[in-house]
N, C-alpha and C. Protein backbone atom coordinates (compact mmCIF):
# COMPACT_ATOMS: atom_id res chain seq x y z
N UNK A 1 -66.82 36.96 107.93
CA UNK A 1 -66.86 35.29 107.80
C UNK A 1 -66.69 35.54 105.84
N UNK A 2 -65.77 34.99 105.28
CA UNK A 2 -66.02 35.11 104.36
C UNK A 2 -66.32 33.54 103.94
N UNK A 3 -66.74 33.53 102.29
CA UNK A 3 -67.77 32.49 101.19
C UNK A 3 -66.95 32.17 100.40
N UNK A 4 -66.33 31.11 100.41
CA UNK A 4 -65.56 30.84 98.93
C UNK A 4 -66.53 29.60 98.02
N UNK A 5 -66.58 30.31 96.89
CA UNK A 5 -67.28 29.08 95.89
C UNK A 5 -66.66 28.12 95.56
N UNK A 6 -66.36 27.24 95.51
CA UNK A 6 -65.93 26.42 95.09
C UNK A 6 -66.64 25.86 93.55
N UNK A 7 -66.40 25.63 93.13
CA UNK A 7 -66.90 25.28 91.36
C UNK A 7 -66.57 23.25 91.03
N UNK A 8 -67.31 23.03 90.81
CA UNK A 8 -67.10 21.71 90.57
C UNK A 8 -67.60 21.02 88.52
N UNK A 9 -66.44 20.96 87.79
CA UNK A 9 -67.05 20.43 86.46
C UNK A 9 -67.53 18.93 86.76
N UNK A 10 -68.77 18.78 85.13
CA UNK A 10 -69.81 18.16 85.36
C UNK A 10 -68.77 16.96 85.27
N UNK A 11 -67.87 17.01 84.13
CA UNK A 11 -67.41 15.69 84.14
C UNK A 11 -67.04 14.83 85.41
N UNK A 12 -66.77 16.06 86.59
CA UNK A 12 -66.73 15.18 87.45
C UNK A 12 -66.99 14.16 88.17
N UNK A 13 -68.20 14.73 87.97
CA UNK A 13 -70.08 13.45 88.69
C UNK A 13 -70.01 12.08 87.51
N UNK A 14 -68.60 11.59 86.39
CA UNK A 14 -69.13 10.60 85.96
C UNK A 14 -69.03 9.66 86.75
N UNK A 15 -68.90 8.56 86.91
CA UNK A 15 -68.91 7.71 87.59
C UNK A 15 -67.95 7.36 87.12
N UNK A 16 -66.53 6.65 87.94
CA UNK A 16 -65.05 6.40 87.75
C UNK A 16 -65.47 5.35 87.51
N UNK A 17 -66.09 4.20 86.93
CA UNK A 17 -65.73 2.65 85.91
C UNK A 17 -67.16 3.21 85.86
N UNK A 18 -66.75 3.02 83.53
CA UNK A 18 -67.81 2.52 83.29
C UNK A 18 -68.30 1.61 83.56
N UNK A 19 -69.72 1.15 83.03
CA UNK A 19 -70.24 -0.09 83.47
C UNK A 19 -69.81 -0.36 81.77
N UNK A 20 -70.25 -0.31 80.42
CA UNK A 20 -70.03 -0.42 79.42
C UNK A 20 -69.51 -0.08 78.40
N UNK A 21 -68.49 -0.47 77.51
CA UNK A 21 -67.42 0.10 76.38
C UNK A 21 -67.96 -0.47 74.95
N UNK A 22 -67.64 0.39 73.76
CA UNK A 22 -67.97 -0.01 72.31
C UNK A 22 -66.57 0.39 71.95
N UNK A 23 -66.33 -0.59 71.35
CA UNK A 23 -65.40 -0.83 70.21
C UNK A 23 -65.81 -1.09 68.72
N UNK A 24 -65.02 -0.79 68.14
CA UNK A 24 -64.62 -0.88 66.67
C UNK A 24 -63.14 -1.13 65.54
N UNK A 25 -63.55 -1.53 64.73
CA UNK A 25 -62.35 -1.56 64.08
C UNK A 25 -62.39 -1.02 62.90
N UNK A 26 -61.17 -0.58 61.92
CA UNK A 26 -60.90 0.15 60.89
C UNK A 26 -60.04 -0.73 60.27
N UNK A 27 -60.22 -0.30 58.66
CA UNK A 27 -58.42 -1.09 58.43
C UNK A 27 -57.84 0.73 57.64
N UNK A 28 -56.24 -0.30 57.68
CA UNK A 28 -55.31 0.95 57.32
C UNK A 28 -55.22 0.13 55.76
N UNK A 29 -54.98 1.04 54.65
CA UNK A 29 -55.04 -0.32 53.13
C UNK A 29 -53.96 1.29 51.97
N UNK A 30 -53.41 0.43 51.28
CA UNK A 30 -52.69 1.34 50.15
C UNK A 30 -53.22 0.37 49.05
N UNK A 31 -53.28 0.77 47.82
CA UNK A 31 -53.05 0.05 46.25
C UNK A 31 -52.22 0.79 45.86
N UNK A 32 -50.75 -0.56 45.90
CA UNK A 32 -49.70 0.42 44.83
C UNK A 32 -50.22 0.13 43.16
N UNK A 33 -50.33 0.44 42.71
CA UNK A 33 -49.98 0.47 41.00
C UNK A 33 -48.79 0.40 40.83
N UNK A 34 -48.79 -0.91 39.23
CA UNK A 34 -47.59 -1.56 39.08
C UNK A 34 -47.53 -0.21 37.97
N UNK A 35 -46.32 -0.10 37.55
CA UNK A 35 -46.15 1.06 36.62
C UNK A 35 -44.72 0.50 36.09
N UNK A 36 -44.30 0.89 35.29
CA UNK A 36 -42.93 0.86 35.00
C UNK A 36 -42.37 2.37 33.41
N UNK A 37 -41.30 2.04 33.11
CA UNK A 37 -41.25 3.25 31.69
C UNK A 37 -39.81 2.46 31.86
N UNK A 38 -39.45 2.97 30.42
CA UNK A 38 -38.77 2.67 29.57
C UNK A 38 -37.84 3.31 29.30
N UNK A 39 -36.34 3.35 28.79
CA UNK A 39 -35.78 4.61 27.80
C UNK A 39 -34.20 3.49 27.62
N UNK A 40 -34.57 4.09 26.27
CA UNK A 40 -33.95 3.48 24.91
C UNK A 40 -32.60 4.40 24.29
N UNK A 41 -31.94 3.69 24.40
CA UNK A 41 -30.27 4.52 22.91
C UNK A 41 -30.69 3.88 21.91
N UNK A 42 -30.09 4.77 20.65
CA UNK A 42 -30.53 4.39 19.92
C UNK A 42 -29.39 3.54 19.41
N UNK A 43 -29.64 2.59 18.57
CA UNK A 43 -28.46 1.44 17.69
C UNK A 43 -27.63 1.85 16.52
N UNK A 44 -26.80 2.82 16.54
CA UNK A 44 -26.14 3.22 15.54
C UNK A 44 -25.22 2.04 15.09
N UNK A 45 -24.76 2.07 14.13
CA UNK A 45 -23.76 1.31 13.23
C UNK A 45 -22.93 2.05 12.98
N UNK A 46 -21.77 1.72 12.89
CA UNK A 46 -20.10 3.05 12.06
C UNK A 46 -21.00 3.02 11.17
N UNK A 47 -19.98 4.04 10.45
CA UNK A 47 -19.76 4.43 8.98
C UNK A 47 -19.37 3.38 8.56
N UNK A 48 -19.97 2.41 7.07
CA UNK A 48 -19.79 1.99 6.49
C UNK A 48 -19.39 2.02 4.95
N UNK A 49 -18.82 1.13 4.92
CA UNK A 49 -18.38 1.13 3.16
C UNK A 49 -18.05 0.07 2.26
N UNK A 50 -18.30 -0.26 1.06
CA UNK A 50 -19.24 -1.04 0.32
C UNK A 50 -17.74 -2.55 0.94
N UNK A 51 -16.67 -2.24 0.99
CA UNK A 51 -16.08 -3.35 1.29
C UNK A 51 -16.00 -3.93 2.55
N UNK A 52 -16.70 -3.20 3.61
CA UNK A 52 -17.44 -4.31 4.30
C UNK A 52 -17.47 -5.16 4.06
N UNK A 53 -16.94 -6.77 4.29
CA UNK A 53 -18.30 -7.72 3.83
C UNK A 53 -18.26 -9.27 5.24
N UNK A 54 -18.18 -8.76 6.42
CA UNK A 54 -17.46 -9.19 7.71
C UNK A 54 -19.11 -8.95 8.14
N UNK A 55 -20.23 -9.59 8.90
CA UNK A 55 -20.86 -8.87 9.62
C UNK A 55 -20.79 -8.18 10.67
N UNK A 56 -21.26 -6.89 10.67
CA UNK A 56 -21.58 -5.62 11.33
C UNK A 56 -22.20 -5.56 12.70
N UNK A 57 -21.71 -5.45 14.07
CA UNK A 57 -22.01 -5.23 15.11
C UNK A 57 -22.31 -3.79 15.83
N UNK A 58 -23.27 -3.77 16.16
CA UNK A 58 -23.71 -2.81 17.88
C UNK A 58 -24.62 -3.67 18.38
N UNK A 59 -24.81 -2.54 19.26
CA UNK A 59 -24.94 -2.99 20.62
C UNK A 59 -25.95 -1.45 21.11
N UNK A 60 -27.24 -1.27 21.60
CA UNK A 60 -28.20 -0.66 22.22
C UNK A 60 -28.41 -0.68 23.62
N UNK A 61 -28.68 0.15 24.63
CA UNK A 61 -29.16 -0.08 25.43
C UNK A 61 -30.32 0.21 26.25
N UNK A 62 -31.00 -0.39 27.41
CA UNK A 62 -31.69 -0.69 27.43
C UNK A 62 -32.58 -0.50 28.83
N UNK A 63 -33.01 0.45 29.69
CA UNK A 63 -32.95 0.80 31.30
C UNK A 63 -34.41 0.54 31.28
N UNK A 64 -34.97 -0.61 32.10
CA UNK A 64 -36.23 -0.88 32.75
C UNK A 64 -36.07 -0.30 34.01
N UNK A 65 -37.27 0.57 34.18
CA UNK A 65 -37.87 0.81 35.81
C UNK A 65 -39.15 0.07 36.56
N UNK A 66 -39.44 -0.88 37.14
CA UNK A 66 -40.59 -1.04 37.67
C UNK A 66 -40.90 -1.00 38.23
N UNK A 67 -42.11 -1.28 38.90
CA UNK A 67 -42.63 -1.57 40.33
C UNK A 67 -42.04 -2.90 40.73
N UNK A 68 -41.84 -2.60 41.96
CA UNK A 68 -41.11 -4.69 43.22
C UNK A 68 -42.45 -5.44 43.03
N UNK A 69 -41.17 -6.77 41.97
CA UNK A 69 -42.62 -7.73 41.49
C UNK A 69 -43.42 -7.48 40.46
N UNK A 70 -43.48 -6.89 39.52
CA UNK A 70 -43.93 -6.67 38.57
C UNK A 70 -43.52 -7.59 37.35
N UNK A 71 -44.36 -8.00 37.00
CA UNK A 71 -43.76 -9.30 35.44
C UNK A 71 -44.20 -7.93 34.72
N UNK A 72 -42.97 -8.03 33.86
CA UNK A 72 -42.87 -7.78 32.69
C UNK A 72 -42.55 -8.54 31.22
N UNK A 73 -43.23 -8.01 30.28
CA UNK A 73 -43.01 -8.80 29.14
C UNK A 73 -42.49 -7.28 28.10
N UNK A 74 -41.26 -7.48 27.08
CA UNK A 74 -39.98 -6.40 26.67
C UNK A 74 -40.21 -6.98 24.91
N UNK A 75 -41.50 -5.80 24.27
CA UNK A 75 -41.91 -6.82 22.86
C UNK A 75 -40.87 -5.44 22.13
N UNK A 76 -40.61 -5.54 21.03
CA UNK A 76 -40.11 -4.53 20.37
C UNK A 76 -40.51 -5.43 18.44
N UNK A 77 -41.33 -4.27 18.36
CA UNK A 77 -42.02 -4.63 16.48
C UNK A 77 -41.16 -4.75 15.72
N UNK A 78 -41.24 -4.95 14.68
CA UNK A 78 -40.14 -5.15 12.83
C UNK A 78 -39.83 -4.28 12.47
N UNK A 79 -41.09 -2.96 13.38
CA UNK A 79 -40.15 -1.70 12.57
C UNK A 79 -40.96 -1.37 11.32
N UNK A 80 -40.34 0.20 10.88
CA UNK A 80 -40.92 0.56 9.83
C UNK A 80 -40.93 0.19 8.70
N UNK A 81 -39.90 -0.29 8.90
CA UNK A 81 -39.00 -0.94 6.48
C UNK A 81 -39.53 -2.12 6.55
N UNK A 82 -39.57 -3.05 7.44
CA UNK A 82 -39.94 -4.46 7.06
C UNK A 82 -40.04 -5.25 5.97
N UNK A 83 -39.61 -5.92 5.46
CA UNK A 83 -40.05 -6.92 4.40
C UNK A 83 -41.49 -7.57 4.04
N UNK A 84 -42.18 -6.94 3.25
CA UNK A 84 -43.36 -7.18 3.62
C UNK A 84 -43.65 -8.28 3.19
N UNK A 85 -43.07 -9.47 2.30
CA UNK A 85 -43.33 -10.67 2.75
C UNK A 85 -42.88 -11.69 4.16
N UNK A 86 -41.02 -10.96 4.06
CA UNK A 86 -40.55 -12.13 4.98
C UNK A 86 -40.56 -11.48 6.23
N UNK A 87 -41.14 -10.31 6.82
CA UNK A 87 -40.76 -9.25 7.85
C UNK A 87 -39.10 -9.37 8.02
N UNK A 88 -38.36 -9.37 7.56
CA UNK A 88 -36.99 -8.93 7.87
C UNK A 88 -37.17 -7.88 8.02
N UNK A 89 -36.52 -7.52 8.90
CA UNK A 89 -36.42 -5.97 9.64
C UNK A 89 -34.85 -5.78 8.40
N UNK A 90 -35.50 -4.26 8.22
CA UNK A 90 -34.35 -3.13 7.22
C UNK A 90 -34.02 -2.33 7.38
N UNK A 91 -33.42 -1.52 7.40
CA UNK A 91 -32.93 -0.41 7.38
C UNK A 91 -32.89 -0.17 5.99
N UNK A 92 -33.64 1.69 5.86
CA UNK A 92 -34.12 2.41 4.50
C UNK A 92 -33.54 3.50 4.20
N UNK A 93 -33.00 3.85 2.95
CA UNK A 93 -32.74 4.58 2.39
C UNK A 93 -33.90 5.49 2.02
N UNK A 94 -33.78 7.19 1.40
CA UNK A 94 -34.59 7.81 0.73
C UNK A 94 -35.42 7.64 -0.33
N UNK A 95 -34.12 6.44 -1.38
CA UNK A 95 -34.70 5.74 -2.25
C UNK A 95 -35.29 4.81 -1.67
N UNK A 96 -36.83 4.54 -2.46
CA UNK A 96 -37.69 3.30 -2.13
C UNK A 96 -36.49 1.64 -2.73
N UNK A 97 -35.74 1.86 -3.05
CA UNK A 97 -35.09 0.75 -3.50
C UNK A 97 -33.69 0.21 -2.36
N UNK A 98 -33.46 0.77 -1.71
CA UNK A 98 -31.89 1.06 -0.52
C UNK A 98 -32.63 0.64 0.55
N UNK A 99 -31.71 -0.87 0.32
CA UNK A 99 -32.61 -1.26 1.88
C UNK A 99 -31.58 -2.24 2.15
N UNK A 100 -31.33 -2.64 3.84
CA UNK A 100 -29.96 -3.46 4.61
C UNK A 100 -30.78 -3.87 5.43
N UNK A 101 -30.74 -5.00 5.56
CA UNK A 101 -31.31 -5.83 6.14
C UNK A 101 -30.58 -5.93 7.39
N UNK A 102 -31.02 -6.27 8.65
CA UNK A 102 -29.82 -6.22 10.11
C UNK A 102 -31.03 -7.17 11.10
N UNK A 103 -30.71 -7.91 12.13
CA UNK A 103 -31.06 -8.98 13.16
C UNK A 103 -31.09 -7.95 14.75
N UNK A 104 -31.84 -8.05 15.25
CA UNK A 104 -31.65 -7.74 16.58
C UNK A 104 -31.69 -9.10 17.71
N UNK A 105 -30.70 -8.90 19.00
CA UNK A 105 -30.51 -10.01 19.38
C UNK A 105 -30.72 -9.97 21.06
N UNK A 106 -31.22 -10.48 21.57
CA UNK A 106 -31.52 -9.56 23.84
C UNK A 106 -29.77 -10.51 23.80
N UNK A 107 -29.38 -11.67 22.98
CA UNK A 107 -28.06 -12.09 24.03
C UNK A 107 -26.99 -12.65 22.70
N UNK A 108 -25.13 -11.88 23.30
CA UNK A 108 -25.13 -11.83 22.05
C UNK A 108 -24.55 -12.99 21.84
N UNK A 109 -24.86 -13.30 20.50
CA UNK A 109 -24.04 -15.02 19.82
C UNK A 109 -22.96 -14.19 19.20
N UNK A 110 -21.64 -15.27 19.71
CA UNK A 110 -20.26 -15.55 19.72
C UNK A 110 -20.20 -16.44 17.70
N UNK A 111 -20.95 -16.70 16.95
CA UNK A 111 -21.27 -17.83 16.37
C UNK A 111 -23.56 -17.23 15.77
N UNK A 112 -22.91 -17.32 13.86
CA UNK A 112 -24.34 -17.64 13.80
C UNK A 112 -25.01 -18.56 14.21
N UNK A 113 -24.63 -19.98 14.42
CA UNK A 113 -24.71 -20.94 14.24
C UNK A 113 -25.87 -20.77 15.92
N UNK A 114 -25.38 -19.81 17.00
CA UNK A 114 -25.79 -19.69 18.31
C UNK A 114 -27.16 -18.59 18.12
N UNK A 115 -27.14 -18.10 17.20
CA UNK A 115 -27.77 -16.37 17.48
C UNK A 115 -28.89 -16.93 17.60
N UNK A 116 -29.60 -16.29 18.40
CA UNK A 116 -31.49 -16.23 18.41
C UNK A 116 -31.95 -14.79 18.28
N UNK A 117 -32.94 -14.46 16.60
CA UNK A 117 -33.20 -13.34 16.69
C UNK A 117 -34.43 -12.57 17.72
N UNK A 118 -33.69 -11.58 17.90
CA UNK A 118 -35.64 -11.21 19.01
C UNK A 118 -36.60 -10.55 18.34
N UNK A 119 -37.83 -11.88 17.97
CA UNK A 119 -39.03 -11.12 17.14
C UNK A 119 -39.43 -10.54 17.71
N UNK A 120 -40.86 -11.16 17.13
CA UNK A 120 -41.45 -9.84 17.78
C UNK A 120 -42.95 -10.05 18.85
N UNK A 121 -42.30 -11.12 19.73
CA UNK A 121 -42.52 -11.85 20.82
C UNK A 121 -41.56 -11.32 21.89
N UNK A 122 -41.89 -11.36 23.08
CA UNK A 122 -41.37 -10.67 24.28
C UNK A 122 -40.59 -11.28 24.65
N UNK A 123 -39.76 -10.06 25.22
CA UNK A 123 -38.65 -10.47 26.69
C UNK A 123 -39.10 -10.60 28.18
N UNK A 124 -39.46 -11.00 28.95
CA UNK A 124 -39.82 -11.59 30.07
C UNK A 124 -39.01 -11.64 31.71
N UNK A 125 -39.09 -10.58 31.77
CA UNK A 125 -38.51 -10.71 33.00
C UNK A 125 -39.10 -9.74 34.55
N UNK A 126 -38.78 -10.36 35.40
CA UNK A 126 -38.97 -9.69 36.75
C UNK A 126 -38.83 -8.38 38.02
N UNK A 127 -39.78 -7.45 38.04
CA UNK A 127 -38.86 -6.36 38.32
C UNK A 127 -37.96 -6.46 39.91
N UNK A 128 -37.48 -5.93 40.10
CA UNK A 128 -36.61 -6.23 41.26
C UNK A 128 -36.84 -4.74 41.82
N UNK A 129 -37.87 -3.91 41.13
CA UNK A 129 -37.96 -2.20 41.79
C UNK A 129 -37.26 -1.52 41.70
N UNK A 130 -35.64 -2.44 40.76
CA UNK A 130 -34.62 -0.99 40.55
C UNK A 130 -34.68 -0.78 38.96
N UNK A 131 -33.85 0.08 38.54
CA UNK A 131 -33.50 0.13 37.13
C UNK A 131 -32.77 -1.33 36.77
N UNK A 132 -33.25 -1.72 35.92
CA UNK A 132 -32.65 -2.77 34.75
C UNK A 132 -31.69 -2.11 34.34
N UNK A 133 -30.97 -3.28 33.89
CA UNK A 133 -30.17 -2.85 32.55
C UNK A 133 -29.92 -3.61 31.37
N UNK A 134 -30.24 -3.47 30.46
CA UNK A 134 -30.19 -4.40 29.50
C UNK A 134 -29.90 -4.18 28.12
N UNK A 135 -28.53 -5.22 27.26
CA UNK A 135 -28.91 -4.76 26.56
C UNK A 135 -29.13 -5.41 25.08
N UNK A 136 -29.32 -4.92 24.61
CA UNK A 136 -29.64 -4.94 23.03
C UNK A 136 -28.69 -5.46 21.47
N UNK A 137 -28.15 -6.23 21.25
CA UNK A 137 -27.42 -6.39 20.18
C UNK A 137 -28.53 -6.04 18.82
N UNK A 138 -27.52 -5.99 17.96
CA UNK A 138 -27.78 -5.68 16.22
C UNK A 138 -26.26 -6.14 15.36
N UNK A 139 -27.48 -6.52 14.20
CA UNK A 139 -25.97 -7.29 13.57
C UNK A 139 -26.96 -7.03 11.97
N UNK A 140 -25.34 -6.80 10.90
CA UNK A 140 -26.38 -6.82 9.50
C UNK A 140 -26.21 -7.46 9.44
N UNK A 141 -27.06 -7.68 8.02
CA UNK A 141 -26.89 -9.32 7.46
C UNK A 141 -26.68 -9.30 6.26
N UNK A 142 -25.97 -8.32 5.78
CA UNK A 142 -25.39 -8.05 4.14
C UNK A 142 -24.27 -6.85 4.29
N UNK A 143 -22.87 -6.58 4.03
CA UNK A 143 -22.74 -5.22 3.33
C UNK A 143 -23.12 -4.13 2.34
N UNK A 144 -22.60 -3.68 3.06
CA UNK A 144 -23.73 -2.23 2.36
C UNK A 144 -23.15 -1.86 0.86
N UNK A 145 -24.30 -1.42 0.11
CA UNK A 145 -23.83 -1.50 -1.28
C UNK A 145 -24.72 0.33 -1.85
N UNK A 146 -23.29 1.08 -1.71
CA UNK A 146 -23.28 2.05 -2.16
C UNK A 146 -23.42 3.76 -1.40
N UNK A 147 -23.04 4.50 -0.75
CA UNK A 147 -23.19 5.68 -0.49
C UNK A 147 -24.42 6.18 0.06
N UNK A 148 -24.58 6.07 0.69
CA UNK A 148 -26.28 6.41 1.19
C UNK A 148 -26.15 6.83 3.05
N UNK A 149 -27.47 7.36 4.04
CA UNK A 149 -28.04 7.11 4.82
C UNK A 149 -29.06 6.31 4.78
N UNK A 150 -29.22 5.16 6.51
CA UNK A 150 -30.17 4.34 6.24
C UNK A 150 -30.51 3.77 7.70
N UNK A 151 -31.96 4.38 7.61
CA UNK A 151 -31.95 3.47 9.01
C UNK A 151 -33.65 3.27 8.99
N UNK A 152 -34.21 2.97 10.14
CA UNK A 152 -35.11 2.04 10.80
C UNK A 152 -35.67 3.18 12.22
N UNK A 153 -36.96 2.92 12.14
CA UNK A 153 -37.46 3.39 13.70
C UNK A 153 -37.95 1.91 13.67
N UNK A 154 -38.02 1.58 15.47
CA UNK A 154 -39.11 0.57 16.28
C UNK A 154 -39.90 0.84 16.99
N UNK A 155 -40.26 0.23 17.65
CA UNK A 155 -41.86 0.52 18.77
C UNK A 155 -41.24 -0.20 19.58
N UNK A 156 -40.46 0.69 21.30
CA UNK A 156 -40.93 -0.97 22.33
C UNK A 156 -41.96 -1.01 22.91
N UNK A 157 -42.27 -1.67 23.58
CA UNK A 157 -43.73 -2.35 24.34
C UNK A 157 -43.07 -3.06 25.06
N UNK A 158 -43.45 -2.12 26.44
CA UNK A 158 -43.49 -2.90 27.95
C UNK A 158 -45.66 -3.15 28.35
N UNK A 159 -45.32 -4.99 28.54
CA UNK A 159 -46.66 -5.58 29.14
C UNK A 159 -46.91 -5.39 30.06
N UNK A 160 -47.06 -5.77 31.04
CA UNK A 160 -46.85 -5.73 32.80
C UNK A 160 -48.49 -5.78 33.02
């Protein structure tokens, strides 16, 4: 006669219906940090001469891209060559006496009476999560005098 060994796994000895259970909960989360970036094109006025007597205009683009739902303040400083007493923005030449005033607006004005200068305060927007293109309008406040290269450097600050 042959003998057959049958192995019974140990877990098969556990009761089929457990009398007690133990549960717990855990959370799943993510911290989404607000972030922003800005890219700005240089604002350049065309080649000018002393016969230009009307206000001369130009524009530049801002591309602002922030996390969706972020409140953003977009600020420009007065520039490196702002008039020390009035704060008026100025293009400056290599010679310390060569200045040419200019204005910046975030909305294009059809007439001088309707223009609103962009001071040092913010333009406020709420990001929808996509790249937002804004236009910065520049206007020279006087005709140029003499031949020279004039420039200024401004800082753009995003507060969010």
